PDB file of N, CA and C in Angstrom:
ATOM      1  N   MET A   1      32.331  -0.688  15.830  1.00  0.00           N
ATOM      2  CA  MET A   1      31.517   0.483  16.102  1.00  0.00           C
ATOM      3  C   MET A   1      30.086   0.017  16.371  1.00  0.00           C
ATOM      4  N   SER A   2      29.535   0.391  17.485  1.00  0.00           N
ATOM      5  CA  SER A   2      28.162   0.016  17.803  1.00  0.00           C
ATOM      6  C   SER A   2      27.419   1.223  18.344  1.00  0.00           C
ATOM      7  N   ASP A   3      26.141   1.181  18.149  1.00  0.00           N
ATOM      8  CA  ASP A   3      25.276   2.250  18.620  1.00  0.00           C
ATOM      9  C   ASP A   3      24.172   1.603  19.439  1.00  0.00           C
ATOM     10  N   GLN A   4      23.832   2.198  20.553  1.00  0.00           N
ATOM     11  CA  GLN A   4      22.822   1.587  21.409  1.00  0.00           C
ATOM     12  C   GLN A   4      21.436   1.615  20.790  1.00  0.00           C
ATOM     13  N   PHE A   5      21.208   2.471  19.788  1.00  0.00           N
ATOM     14  CA  PHE A   5      19.894   2.577  19.168  1.00  0.00           C
ATOM     15  C   PHE A   5      19.742   1.681  17.943  1.00  0.00           C
ATOM     16  N   LEU A   6      20.843   1.132  17.427  1.00  0.00           N
ATOM     17  CA  LEU A   6      20.780   0.249  16.272  1.00  0.00           C
ATOM     18  C   LEU A   6      20.792  -1.196  16.742  1.00  0.00           C
ATOM     19  N   PRO A   7      19.986  -2.036  16.125  1.00  0.00           N
ATOM     20  CA  PRO A   7      19.981  -3.443  16.550  1.00  0.00           C
ATOM     21  C   PRO A   7      21.278  -4.131  16.134  1.00  0.00           C
ATOM     22  N   ASP A   8      21.682  -5.098  16.919  1.00  0.00           N
ATOM     23  CA  ASP A   8      22.839  -5.897  16.542  1.00  0.00           C
ATOM     24  C   ASP A   8      22.448  -6.754  15.348  1.00  0.00           C
ATOM     25  N   SER A   9      23.294  -6.766  14.340  1.00  0.00           N
ATOM     26  CA  SER A   9      22.965  -7.544  13.159  1.00  0.00           C
ATOM     27  C   SER A   9      24.038  -8.588  12.929  1.00  0.00           C
ATOM     28  N   ASN A  10      23.571  -9.760  12.566  1.00  0.00           N
ATOM     29  CA  ASN A  10      24.457 -10.848  12.217  1.00  0.00           C
ATOM     30  C   ASN A  10      24.273 -11.074  10.722  1.00  0.00           C
ATOM     31  N   PRO A  11      25.323 -10.917   9.921  1.00  0.00           N
ATOM     32  CA  PRO A  11      25.146 -11.037   8.471  1.00  0.00           C
ATOM     33  C   PRO A  11      24.730 -12.445   8.025  1.00  0.00           C
ATOM     34  N   ASP A  12      24.913 -13.451   8.888  1.00  0.00           N
ATOM     35  CA  ASP A  12      24.532 -14.811   8.517  1.00  0.00           C
ATOM     36  C   ASP A  12      23.040 -15.066   8.674  1.00  0.00           C
ATOM     37  N   GLU A  13      22.362 -14.275   9.505  1.00  0.00           N
ATOM     38  CA  GLU A  13      20.932 -14.464   9.740  1.00  0.00           C
ATOM     39  C   GLU A  13      20.118 -13.647   8.745  1.00  0.00           C
ATOM     40  N   PRO A  14      19.059 -14.241   8.194  1.00  0.00           N
ATOM     41  CA  PRO A  14      18.199 -13.440   7.295  1.00  0.00           C
ATOM     42  C   PRO A  14      17.426 -12.406   8.115  1.00  0.00           C
ATOM     43  N   PRO A  15      17.129 -11.260   7.517  1.00  0.00           N
ATOM     44  CA  PRO A  15      16.372 -10.235   8.257  1.00  0.00           C
ATOM     45  C   PRO A  15      14.956 -10.715   8.563  1.00  0.00           C
ATOM     46  N   GLU A  16      14.399 -10.224   9.649  1.00  0.00           N
ATOM     47  CA  GLU A  16      13.033 -10.589  10.025  1.00  0.00           C
ATOM     48  C   GLU A  16      12.045  -9.967   9.054  1.00  0.00           C
ATOM     49  N   GLN A  17      11.034 -10.733   8.693  1.00  0.00           N
ATOM     50  CA  GLN A  17       9.985 -10.231   7.816  1.00  0.00           C
ATOM     51  C   GLN A  17       8.870  -9.642   8.674  1.00  0.00           C
ATOM     52  N   VAL A  18       8.552  -8.390   8.429  1.00  0.00           N
ATOM     53  CA  VAL A  18       7.482  -7.727   9.163  1.00  0.00           C
ATOM     54  C   VAL A  18       6.240  -7.762   8.294  1.00  0.00           C
ATOM     55  N   ARG A  19       5.170  -8.339   8.813  1.00  0.00           N
ATOM     56  CA  ARG A  19       3.924  -8.459   8.066  1.00  0.00           C
ATOM     57  C   ARG A  19       3.021  -7.269   8.366  1.00  0.00           C
ATOM     58  N   ALA A  20       2.327  -6.817   7.339  1.00  0.00           N
ATOM     59  CA  ALA A  20       1.379  -5.729   7.507  1.00  0.00           C
ATOM     60  C   ALA A  20       0.122  -6.256   8.186  1.00  0.00           C
ATOM     61  N   PRO A  21      -0.480  -5.478   9.091  1.00  0.00           N
ATOM     62  CA  PRO A  21      -1.709  -5.929   9.742  1.00  0.00           C
ATOM     63  C   PRO A  21      -2.874  -5.997   8.744  1.00  0.00           C
ATOM     64  N   PHE A  22      -3.862  -6.834   9.079  1.00  0.00           N
ATOM     65  CA  PHE A  22      -5.018  -7.031   8.209  1.00  0.00           C
ATOM     66  C   PHE A  22      -5.755  -5.712   7.966  1.00  0.00           C
ATOM     67  N   SER A  23      -5.874  -4.868   8.975  1.00  0.00           N
ATOM     68  CA  SER A  23      -6.606  -3.604   8.811  1.00  0.00           C
ATOM     69  C   SER A  23      -5.929  -2.708   7.776  1.00  0.00           C
ATOM     70  N   PHE A  24      -4.596  -2.737   7.715  1.00  0.00           N
ATOM     71  CA  PHE A  24      -3.887  -1.939   6.718  1.00  0.00           C
ATOM     72  C   PHE A  24      -4.146  -2.484   5.313  1.00  0.00           C
ATOM     73  N   LYS A  25      -4.108  -3.812   5.167  1.00  0.00           N
ATOM     74  CA  LYS A  25      -4.382  -4.423   3.865  1.00  0.00           C
ATOM     75  C   LYS A  25      -5.808  -4.125   3.422  1.00  0.00           C
ATOM     76  N   LEU A  26      -6.757  -4.166   4.362  1.00  0.00           N
ATOM     77  CA  LEU A  26      -8.146  -3.851   4.046  1.00  0.00           C
ATOM     78  C   LEU A  26      -8.285  -2.396   3.618  1.00  0.00           C
ATOM     79  N   MET A  27      -7.602  -1.488   4.303  1.00  0.00           N
ATOM     80  CA  MET A  27      -7.668  -0.073   3.948  1.00  0.00           C
ATOM     81  C   MET A  27      -7.118   0.155   2.539  1.00  0.00           C
ATOM     82  N   ILE A  28      -6.023  -0.507   2.201  1.00  0.00           N
ATOM     83  CA  ILE A  28      -5.445  -0.365   0.864  1.00  0.00           C
ATOM     84  C   ILE A  28      -6.402  -0.919  -0.191  1.00  0.00           C
ATOM     85  N   ALA A  29      -6.994  -2.076   0.075  1.00  0.00           N
ATOM     86  CA  ALA A  29      -7.921  -2.684  -0.883  1.00  0.00           C
ATOM     87  C   ALA A  29      -9.144  -1.790  -1.104  1.00  0.00           C
ATOM     88  N   LEU A  30      -9.694  -1.238  -0.030  1.00  0.00           N
ATOM     89  CA  LEU A  30     -10.857  -0.361  -0.165  1.00  0.00           C
ATOM     90  C   LEU A  30     -10.505   0.938  -0.887  1.00  0.00           C
ATOM     91  N   THR A  31      -9.315   1.451  -0.646  1.00  0.00           N
ATOM     92  CA  THR A  31      -8.873   2.668  -1.339  1.00  0.00           C
ATOM     93  C   THR A  31      -8.730   2.419  -2.828  1.00  0.00           C
ATOM     94  N   VAL A  32      -8.149   1.291  -3.197  1.00  0.00           N
ATOM     95  CA  VAL A  32      -8.004   0.944  -4.617  1.00  0.00           C
ATOM     96  C   VAL A  32      -9.376   0.768  -5.261  1.00  0.00           C
ATOM     97  N   ALA A  33     -10.297   0.112  -4.563  1.00  0.00           N
ATOM     98  CA  ALA A  33     -11.649  -0.068  -5.105  1.00  0.00           C
ATOM     99  C   ALA A  33     -12.342   1.279  -5.285  1.00  0.00           C
ATOM    100  N   TYR A  34     -12.212   2.171  -4.311  1.00  0.00           N
ATOM    101  CA  TYR A  34     -12.841   3.489  -4.402  1.00  0.00           C
ATOM    102  C   TYR A  34     -12.270   4.291  -5.576  1.00  0.00           C
ATOM    103  N   LEU A  35     -10.944   4.301  -5.686  1.00  0.00           N
ATOM    104  CA  LEU A  35     -10.336   5.066  -6.777  1.00  0.00           C
ATOM    105  C   LEU A  35     -10.666   4.462  -8.138  1.00  0.00           C
ATOM    106  N   GLY A  36     -10.785   3.140  -8.207  1.00  0.00           N
ATOM    107  CA  GLY A  36     -11.200   2.503  -9.453  1.00  0.00           C
ATOM    108  C   GLY A  36     -12.602   2.910  -9.839  1.00  0.00           C
ATOM    109  N   TRP A  37     -13.500   2.942  -8.852  1.00  0.00           N
ATOM    110  CA  TRP A  37     -14.879   3.354  -9.126  1.00  0.00           C
ATOM    111  C   TRP A  37     -14.936   4.815  -9.564  1.00  0.00           C
ATOM    112  N   ARG A  38     -14.147   5.668  -8.938  1.00  0.00           N
ATOM    113  CA  ARG A  38     -14.116   7.078  -9.335  1.00  0.00           C
ATOM    114  C   ARG A  38     -13.560   7.240 -10.748  1.00  0.00           C
ATOM    115  N   LEU A  39     -12.615   6.374 -11.125  1.00  0.00           N
ATOM    116  CA  LEU A  39     -12.078   6.410 -12.480  1.00  0.00           C
ATOM    117  C   LEU A  39     -13.168   6.033 -13.483  1.00  0.00           C
ATOM    118  N   VAL A  40     -13.942   5.014 -13.170  1.00  0.00           N
ATOM    119  CA  VAL A  40     -15.050   4.617 -14.042  1.00  0.00           C
ATOM    120  C   VAL A  40     -16.048   5.757 -14.157  1.00  0.00           C
ATOM    121  N   GLN A  41     -16.386   6.397 -13.054  1.00  0.00           N
ATOM    122  CA  GLN A  41     -17.318   7.523 -13.101  1.00  0.00           C
ATOM    123  C   GLN A  41     -16.764   8.668 -13.943  1.00  0.00           C
ATOM    124  N   GLY A  42     -15.467   8.919 -13.847  1.00  0.00           N
ATOM    125  CA  GLY A  42     -14.840   9.979 -14.641  1.00  0.00           C
ATOM    126  C   GLY A  42     -14.870   9.670 -16.120  1.00  0.00           C
ATOM    127  N   ILE A  43     -14.623   8.426 -16.468  1.00  0.00           N
ATOM    128  CA  ILE A  43     -14.657   8.036 -17.881  1.00  0.00           C
ATOM    129  C   ILE A  43     -16.073   8.159 -18.430  1.00  0.00           C
ATOM    130  N   VAL A  44     -17.079   7.730 -17.669  1.00  0.00           N
ATOM    131  CA  VAL A  44     -18.480   7.860 -18.094  1.00  0.00           C
ATOM    132  C   VAL A  44     -18.840   9.323 -18.256  1.00  0.00           C
ATOM    133  N   TRP A  45     -18.395  10.171 -17.349  1.00  0.00           N
ATOM    134  CA  TRP A  45     -18.690  11.604 -17.435  1.00  0.00           C
ATOM    135  C   TRP A  45     -18.091  12.208 -18.691  1.00  0.00           C
ATOM    136  N   VAL A  46     -16.846  11.848 -19.006  1.00  0.00           N
ATOM    137  CA  VAL A  46     -16.196  12.384 -20.208  1.00  0.00           C
ATOM    138  C   VAL A  46     -16.893  11.893 -21.466  1.00  0.00           C
ATOM    139  N   VAL A  47     -17.282  10.622 -21.504  1.00  0.00           N
ATOM    140  CA  VAL A  47     -17.969  10.071 -22.675  1.00  0.00           C
ATOM    141  C   VAL A  47     -19.304  10.773 -22.869  1.00  0.00           C
ATOM    142  N   GLU A  48     -20.035  11.039 -21.780  1.00  0.00           N
ATOM    143  CA  GLU A  48     -21.314  11.735 -21.885  1.00  0.00           C
ATOM    144  C   GLU A  48     -21.130  13.171 -22.370  1.00  0.00           C
ATOM    145  N   ARG A  49     -20.080  13.828 -21.952  1.00  0.00           N
ATOM    146  CA  ARG A  49     -19.825  15.215 -22.378  1.00  0.00           C
ATOM    147  C   ARG A  49     -19.431  15.287 -23.848  1.00  0.00           C
ATOM    148  N   LEU A  50     -18.737  14.269 -24.329  1.00  0.00           N
ATOM    149  CA  LEU A  50     -18.281  14.304 -25.719  1.00  0.00           C
ATOM    150  C   LEU A  50     -19.381  13.897 -26.696  1.00  0.00           C
ATOM    151  N   SER A  51     -20.395  13.212 -26.232  1.00  0.00           N
ATOM    152  CA  SER A  51     -21.443  12.781 -27.163  1.00  0.00           C
ATOM    153  C   SER A  51     -22.635  13.700 -27.154  1.00  0.00           C
TER     154      SER A  51
END
């Protein structure tokens, strides 16, 4: 059974590794840094409100 839209696969060959582009990795790193900074700001805000 074959489909013209599915790639032919050979079970003996390892699957191709697709690498993420640098811009995507940079976007993820900046998002993590931003959310980390917002977490720090939230913790400082809560500590100031409780004291």
